[in-house]
Amino acid sequence: MILKGRRITKGKAKGIALVSKKPLSFLGGVDPNTGEIRDAESDIRGESVRDKILVFPRGKGSTVGSYVIYQLKKNGVAPKAIVVGEAETIVATGAIIAEIPMVDGIDVSRIKSGQIIEVDADKGEIRIEE
């Protein structure tokens, strides 16, 4: 299955999807040293974003969240790619400065945690292995 969206940052990645049904805050919600989700309200609390394709509806929280995404990359614990239903400035800026492929405009409800997905951000496409 192929889902079409819009490129936010360029690049390609393939990996295991980690899907949150709730908006995600990076500041305080994700540990920049380990990549672990720390947000007490998150449905993926305790999971690591490291080397995953991180999928969620939209970001929330402080603009410092962009820097947290950058720290994840610098610390080697960042997701391989980010897929969102709706891009907003915080996450988009973080993906840009960290050079993480990102696509938005995706119906994230069609992706399940554990699925192998391929992100071609250059084309704005997500391929889900069946």
N, C-alpha and C. Protein backbone atom coordinates (compact mmCIF):
# COMPACT_ATOMS: atom_id res chain seq x y z
N MET A 1 0.85 -1.17 0.00
CA MET A 1 0.00 0.00 0.00
C MET A 1 0.90 1.24 0.00
N ILE A 2 0.54 2.22 -0.80
CA ILE A 2 1.28 3.48 -0.87
C ILE A 2 0.37 4.61 -0.42
N LEU A 3 0.86 5.42 0.52
CA LEU A 3 0.16 6.62 0.97
C LEU A 3 0.91 7.82 0.44
N LYS A 4 0.17 8.78 -0.06
CA LYS A 4 0.79 9.98 -0.63
C LYS A 4 0.58 11.17 0.30
N GLY A 5 1.64 11.94 0.44
CA GLY A 5 1.59 13.13 1.28
C GLY A 5 2.45 14.23 0.67
N ARG A 6 3.07 15.00 1.55
CA ARG A 6 3.87 16.15 1.10
C ARG A 6 5.24 16.08 1.77
N ARG A 7 6.27 16.32 0.98
CA ARG A 7 7.64 16.35 1.52
C ARG A 7 7.84 17.59 2.38
N ILE A 8 8.37 17.35 3.57
CA ILE A 8 8.81 18.45 4.42
C ILE A 8 10.33 18.56 4.35
N THR A 9 11.00 17.42 4.52
CA THR A 9 12.45 17.37 4.33
C THR A 9 12.76 16.18 3.43
N LYS A 10 13.85 16.30 2.70
CA LYS A 10 14.19 15.26 1.73
C LYS A 10 14.82 14.05 2.40
N GLY A 11 14.84 12.97 1.63
CA GLY A 11 15.52 11.77 2.08
C GLY A 11 14.65 10.54 2.00
N LYS A 12 15.28 9.40 2.25
CA LYS A 12 14.60 8.11 2.20
C LYS A 12 15.01 7.31 3.42
N ALA A 13 14.10 6.47 3.90
CA ALA A 13 14.39 5.60 5.04
C ALA A 13 13.43 4.43 5.02
N LYS A 14 13.89 3.33 5.59
CA LYS A 14 13.05 2.15 5.73
C LYS A 14 13.25 1.60 7.12
N GLY A 15 12.14 1.22 7.77
CA GLY A 15 12.28 0.68 9.11
C GLY A 15 10.94 0.32 9.71
N ILE A 16 11.00 0.04 11.00
CA ILE A 16 9.82 -0.36 11.76
C ILE A 16 9.09 0.89 12.24
N ALA A 17 7.78 0.90 12.02
CA ALA A 17 6.95 2.03 12.44
C ALA A 17 6.72 2.00 13.95
N LEU A 18 6.83 3.17 14.56
CA LEU A 18 6.42 3.40 15.94
C LEU A 18 5.33 4.45 15.86
N VAL A 19 4.09 4.05 16.15
CA VAL A 19 2.94 4.90 15.90
C VAL A 19 2.27 5.35 17.19
N SER A 20 2.12 6.65 17.32
CA SER A 20 1.33 7.24 18.41
C SER A 20 0.03 7.76 17.83
N LYS A 21 -1.05 7.51 18.53
CA LYS A 21 -2.35 8.04 18.11
C LYS A 21 -2.57 9.44 18.66
N LYS A 22 -1.65 9.88 19.52
CA LYS A 22 -1.78 11.19 20.17
C LYS A 22 -0.69 12.13 19.68
N PRO A 23 -0.94 13.45 19.73
CA PRO A 23 0.11 14.41 19.41
C PRO A 23 1.31 14.21 20.34
N LEU A 24 2.49 14.57 19.84
CA LEU A 24 3.73 14.31 20.57
C LEU A 24 4.47 15.62 20.84
N SER A 25 4.89 15.78 22.09
CA SER A 25 5.75 16.91 22.47
C SER A 25 7.16 16.38 22.66
N PHE A 26 8.11 17.00 22.01
CA PHE A 26 9.50 16.56 22.16
C PHE A 26 10.14 17.13 23.41
N LEU A 27 9.80 18.37 23.78
CA LEU A 27 10.37 18.96 24.99
C LEU A 27 9.72 18.32 26.21
N GLY A 28 10.49 17.53 26.93
CA GLY A 28 9.97 16.83 28.11
C GLY A 28 9.27 15.53 27.77
N GLY A 29 8.90 15.35 26.52
CA GLY A 29 8.19 14.15 26.11
C GLY A 29 9.10 13.07 25.56
N VAL A 30 10.30 13.46 25.11
CA VAL A 30 11.25 12.51 24.55
C VAL A 30 12.62 12.81 25.17
N ASP A 31 13.26 11.79 25.71
CA ASP A 31 14.58 11.97 26.31
C ASP A 31 15.60 12.11 25.19
N PRO A 32 16.27 13.27 25.08
CA PRO A 32 17.21 13.50 23.98
C PRO A 32 18.49 12.67 24.07
N ASN A 33 18.75 12.07 25.22
CA ASN A 33 19.95 11.25 25.39
C ASN A 33 19.72 9.78 25.04
N THR A 34 18.48 9.30 25.24
CA THR A 34 18.18 7.89 25.02
C THR A 34 17.18 7.64 23.90
N GLY A 35 16.38 8.66 23.56
CA GLY A 35 15.32 8.50 22.56
C GLY A 35 14.05 7.90 23.12
N GLU A 36 13.99 7.72 24.43
CA GLU A 36 12.81 7.12 25.06
C GLU A 36 11.68 8.13 25.21
N ILE A 37 10.47 7.68 24.92
CA ILE A 37 9.27 8.51 25.12
C ILE A 37 9.00 8.58 26.61
N ARG A 38 8.97 9.79 27.15
CA ARG A 38 8.78 10.00 28.59
C ARG A 38 7.42 10.62 28.93
N ASP A 39 6.71 11.12 27.97
CA ASP A 39 5.43 11.80 28.20
C ASP A 39 4.45 10.84 28.88
N ALA A 40 4.02 11.19 30.09
CA ALA A 40 3.13 10.32 30.87
C ALA A 40 1.78 10.09 30.18
N GLU A 41 1.37 10.99 29.31
CA GLU A 41 0.09 10.85 28.61
C GLU A 41 0.21 10.15 27.27
N SER A 42 1.41 9.80 26.86
CA SER A 42 1.63 9.20 25.56
C SER A 42 1.23 7.73 25.54
N ASP A 43 0.64 7.32 24.44
CA ASP A 43 0.27 5.91 24.26
C ASP A 43 1.47 5.06 23.86
N ILE A 44 2.64 5.68 23.67
CA ILE A 44 3.86 4.91 23.37
C ILE A 44 4.95 5.18 24.42
N ARG A 45 4.52 5.59 25.61
CA ARG A 45 5.47 5.84 26.70
C ARG A 45 6.35 4.61 26.93
N GLY A 46 7.65 4.85 27.12
CA GLY A 46 8.59 3.77 27.37
C GLY A 46 9.23 3.21 26.11
N GLU A 47 8.66 3.51 24.95
CA GLU A 47 9.24 3.07 23.68
C GLU A 47 10.37 4.00 23.29
N SER A 48 11.27 3.51 22.44
CA SER A 48 12.37 4.33 21.94
C SER A 48 12.12 4.70 20.48
N VAL A 49 12.42 5.94 20.13
CA VAL A 49 12.29 6.40 18.74
C VAL A 49 13.51 6.03 17.92
N ARG A 50 14.55 5.58 18.58
CA ARG A 50 15.83 5.27 17.91
C ARG A 50 15.63 4.29 16.76
N ASP A 51 16.06 4.72 15.57
CA ASP A 51 16.05 3.92 14.35
C ASP A 51 14.64 3.46 13.92
N LYS A 52 13.61 4.10 14.43
CA LYS A 52 12.24 3.79 14.03
C LYS A 52 11.76 4.82 13.01
N ILE A 53 10.66 4.49 12.35
CA ILE A 53 9.94 5.49 11.57
C ILE A 53 8.87 6.00 12.52
N LEU A 54 9.03 7.20 13.01
CA LEU A 54 8.13 7.77 14.02
C LEU A 54 6.91 8.37 13.34
N VAL A 55 5.74 7.88 13.73
CA VAL A 55 4.48 8.27 13.11
C VAL A 55 3.54 8.81 14.18
N PHE A 56 2.99 10.02 13.96
CA PHE A 56 2.05 10.60 14.92
C PHE A 56 1.23 11.67 14.22
N PRO A 57 0.08 12.05 14.82
CA PRO A 57 -0.81 12.98 14.11
C PRO A 57 -0.23 14.39 13.93
N ARG A 58 0.38 14.94 14.99
CA ARG A 58 0.99 16.27 14.93
C ARG A 58 1.79 16.51 16.19
N GLY A 59 2.65 17.50 16.13
CA GLY A 59 3.43 17.85 17.30
C GLY A 59 2.67 18.82 18.20
N LYS A 60 3.20 18.98 19.40
CA LYS A 60 2.64 19.96 20.33
C LYS A 60 3.78 20.44 21.22
N GLY A 61 3.55 21.55 21.89
CA GLY A 61 4.52 22.00 22.88
C GLY A 61 5.41 23.13 22.44
N SER A 62 6.49 23.27 23.17
CA SER A 62 7.41 24.40 23.06
C SER A 62 8.27 24.33 21.80
N THR A 63 8.68 25.50 21.35
CA THR A 63 9.58 25.60 20.21
C THR A 63 10.93 24.98 20.49
N VAL A 64 11.27 24.77 21.76
CA VAL A 64 12.53 24.12 22.11
C VAL A 64 12.51 22.66 21.64
N GLY A 65 11.32 22.14 21.36
CA GLY A 65 11.19 20.79 20.84
C GLY A 65 12.00 20.57 19.57
N SER A 66 12.14 21.61 18.76
CA SER A 66 12.97 21.51 17.54
C SER A 66 14.40 21.16 17.89
N TYR A 67 14.91 21.78 18.93
CA TYR A 67 16.28 21.51 19.35
C TYR A 67 16.41 20.10 19.94
N VAL A 68 15.35 19.61 20.60
CA VAL A 68 15.37 18.24 21.13
C VAL A 68 15.52 17.25 19.98
N ILE A 69 14.81 17.48 18.88
CA ILE A 69 14.94 16.61 17.71
C ILE A 69 16.38 16.63 17.20
N TYR A 70 16.98 17.81 17.14
CA TYR A 70 18.37 17.95 16.73
C TYR A 70 19.30 17.19 17.69
N GLN A 71 19.04 17.30 19.00
CA GLN A 71 19.84 16.58 19.99
C GLN A 71 19.72 15.07 19.80
N LEU A 72 18.51 14.58 19.50
CA LEU A 72 18.33 13.15 19.24
C LEU A 72 19.27 12.70 18.13
N LYS A 73 19.34 13.48 17.07
CA LYS A 73 20.19 13.14 15.93
C LYS A 73 21.67 13.15 16.35
N LYS A 74 22.08 14.21 17.03
CA LYS A 74 23.48 14.34 17.44
C LYS A 74 23.89 13.22 18.41
N ASN A 75 22.93 12.73 19.19
CA ASN A 75 23.21 11.67 20.17
C ASN A 75 23.04 10.27 19.58
N GLY A 76 22.70 10.18 18.31
CA GLY A 76 22.58 8.89 17.65
C GLY A 76 21.35 8.08 18.04
N VAL A 77 20.31 8.76 18.53
CA VAL A 77 19.10 8.07 18.97
C VAL A 77 17.84 8.59 18.28
N ALA A 78 18.02 9.22 17.14
CA ALA A 78 16.90 9.82 16.40
C ALA A 78 16.13 8.77 15.60
N PRO A 79 14.89 9.10 15.25
CA PRO A 79 14.17 8.23 14.32
C PRO A 79 14.79 8.32 12.93
N LYS A 80 14.59 7.27 12.13
CA LYS A 80 15.09 7.27 10.76
C LYS A 80 14.31 8.25 9.90
N ALA A 81 13.03 8.42 10.21
CA ALA A 81 12.16 9.34 9.48
C ALA A 81 10.98 9.69 10.38
N ILE A 82 10.30 10.78 10.01
CA ILE A 82 9.11 11.23 10.73
C ILE A 82 7.97 11.34 9.74
N VAL A 83 6.82 10.76 10.12
CA VAL A 83 5.61 10.82 9.31
C VAL A 83 4.50 11.39 10.19
N VAL A 84 3.86 12.45 9.72
CA VAL A 84 2.80 13.08 10.51
C VAL A 84 1.57 13.34 9.65
N GLY A 85 0.45 13.45 10.35
CA GLY A 85 -0.77 13.84 9.66
C GLY A 85 -0.72 15.30 9.26
N GLU A 86 -0.24 16.11 10.20
CA GLU A 86 -0.17 17.55 9.96
C GLU A 86 1.13 18.11 10.52
N ALA A 87 1.97 18.62 9.65
CA ALA A 87 3.24 19.22 10.09
C ALA A 87 2.95 20.57 10.72
N GLU A 88 3.66 20.84 11.80
CA GLU A 88 3.64 22.18 12.37
C GLU A 88 5.09 22.61 12.54
N THR A 89 5.27 23.85 12.85
CA THR A 89 6.59 24.47 12.82
C THR A 89 7.63 23.78 13.68
N ILE A 90 7.25 23.36 14.88
CA ILE A 90 8.23 22.79 15.82
C ILE A 90 8.88 21.53 15.24
N VAL A 91 8.06 20.58 14.84
CA VAL A 91 8.59 19.30 14.34
C VAL A 91 9.26 19.50 12.98
N ALA A 92 8.65 20.30 12.11
CA ALA A 92 9.24 20.54 10.79
C ALA A 92 10.63 21.16 10.92
N THR A 93 10.77 22.15 11.77
CA THR A 93 12.07 22.80 11.97
C THR A 93 13.09 21.81 12.53
N GLY A 94 12.68 21.00 13.49
CA GLY A 94 13.57 19.99 14.05
C GLY A 94 14.04 19.00 13.00
N ALA A 95 13.13 18.53 12.17
CA ALA A 95 13.49 17.58 11.11
C ALA A 95 14.44 18.22 10.11
N ILE A 96 14.22 19.48 9.80
CA ILE A 96 15.07 20.18 8.84
C ILE A 96 16.50 20.32 9.39
N ILE A 97 16.65 20.82 10.62
CA ILE A 97 18.00 21.04 11.14
C ILE A 97 18.71 19.72 11.45
N ALA A 98 17.93 18.65 11.75
CA ALA A 98 18.53 17.35 12.03
C ALA A 98 18.68 16.50 10.77
N GLU A 99 18.18 17.00 9.65
CA GLU A 99 18.24 16.29 8.37
C GLU A 99 17.60 14.89 8.47
N ILE A 100 16.40 14.86 9.05
CA ILE A 100 15.61 13.64 9.15
C ILE A 100 14.51 13.71 8.11
N PRO A 101 14.39 12.71 7.23
CA PRO A 101 13.31 12.73 6.23
C PRO A 101 11.95 12.86 6.93
N MET A 102 11.09 13.73 6.38
CA MET A 102 9.78 13.96 6.99
C MET A 102 8.74 14.18 5.92
N VAL A 103 7.58 13.53 6.13
CA VAL A 103 6.43 13.66 5.22
C VAL A 103 5.21 13.98 6.06
N ASP A 104 4.35 14.87 5.57
CA ASP A 104 3.08 15.13 6.25
C ASP A 104 1.93 14.94 5.27
N GLY A 105 0.71 15.15 5.79
CA GLY A 105 -0.48 14.96 4.96
C GLY A 105 -0.83 13.48 4.80
N ILE A 106 -0.36 12.66 5.73
CA ILE A 106 -0.58 11.22 5.68
C ILE A 106 -1.70 10.85 6.66
N ASP A 107 -2.57 9.94 6.26
CA ASP A 107 -3.58 9.39 7.16
C ASP A 107 -2.86 8.39 8.05
N VAL A 108 -2.38 8.87 9.20
CA VAL A 108 -1.55 8.05 10.08
C VAL A 108 -2.33 6.89 10.69
N SER A 109 -3.65 6.92 10.66
CA SER A 109 -4.44 5.82 11.20
C SER A 109 -4.30 4.55 10.36
N ARG A 110 -3.73 4.66 9.18
CA ARG A 110 -3.55 3.51 8.29
C ARG A 110 -2.23 2.79 8.54
N ILE A 111 -1.41 3.34 9.46
CA ILE A 111 -0.12 2.74 9.78
C ILE A 111 -0.18 2.21 11.20
N LYS A 112 0.36 1.01 11.39
CA LYS A 112 0.35 0.36 12.71
C LYS A 112 1.79 0.17 13.20
N SER A 113 1.96 0.30 14.52
CA SER A 113 3.28 0.03 15.11
C SER A 113 3.71 -1.38 14.73
N GLY A 114 4.99 -1.51 14.41
CA GLY A 114 5.56 -2.81 14.07
C GLY A 114 5.59 -3.10 12.59
N GLN A 115 4.81 -2.35 11.80
CA GLN A 115 4.85 -2.55 10.35
C GLN A 115 6.17 -2.05 9.80
N ILE A 116 6.64 -2.69 8.74
CA ILE A 116 7.82 -2.19 8.02
C ILE A 116 7.31 -1.18 7.00
N ILE A 117 7.83 0.03 7.09
CA ILE A 117 7.43 1.05 6.12
C ILE A 117 8.66 1.70 5.50
N GLU A 118 8.46 2.16 4.29
CA GLU A 118 9.51 2.83 3.54
C GLU A 118 9.05 4.26 3.26
N VAL A 119 9.88 5.21 3.64
CA VAL A 119 9.57 6.62 3.44
C VAL A 119 10.42 7.14 2.29
N ASP A 120 9.77 7.66 1.27
CA ASP A 120 10.47 8.37 0.20
C ASP A 120 9.97 9.81 0.28
N ALA A 121 10.63 10.58 1.13
CA ALA A 121 10.20 11.96 1.36
C ALA A 121 10.34 12.80 0.11
N ASP A 122 11.30 12.45 -0.76
CA ASP A 122 11.48 13.22 -2.00
C ASP A 122 10.20 13.18 -2.83
N LYS A 123 9.50 12.06 -2.81
CA LYS A 123 8.25 11.91 -3.56
C LYS A 123 7.02 12.14 -2.68
N GLY A 124 7.22 12.28 -1.38
CA GLY A 124 6.09 12.43 -0.46
C GLY A 124 5.30 11.14 -0.33
N GLU A 125 5.98 10.00 -0.41
CA GLU A 125 5.31 8.71 -0.39
C GLU A 125 5.74 7.84 0.79
N ILE A 126 4.77 7.09 1.29
CA ILE A 126 5.00 6.09 2.32
C ILE A 126 4.53 4.76 1.76
N ARG A 127 5.42 3.78 1.76
CA ARG A 127 5.06 2.43 1.28
C ARG A 127 5.01 1.52 2.50
N ILE A 128 3.87 0.86 2.68
CA ILE A 128 3.68 -0.05 3.80
C ILE A 128 3.78 -1.47 3.27
N GLU A 129 4.70 -2.24 3.85
CA GLU A 129 4.83 -3.64 3.44
C GLU A 129 3.66 -4.44 3.99
N GLU A 130 3.09 -5.26 3.15
CA GLU A 130 1.91 -6.06 3.54
C GLU A 130 2.35 -7.42 4.01
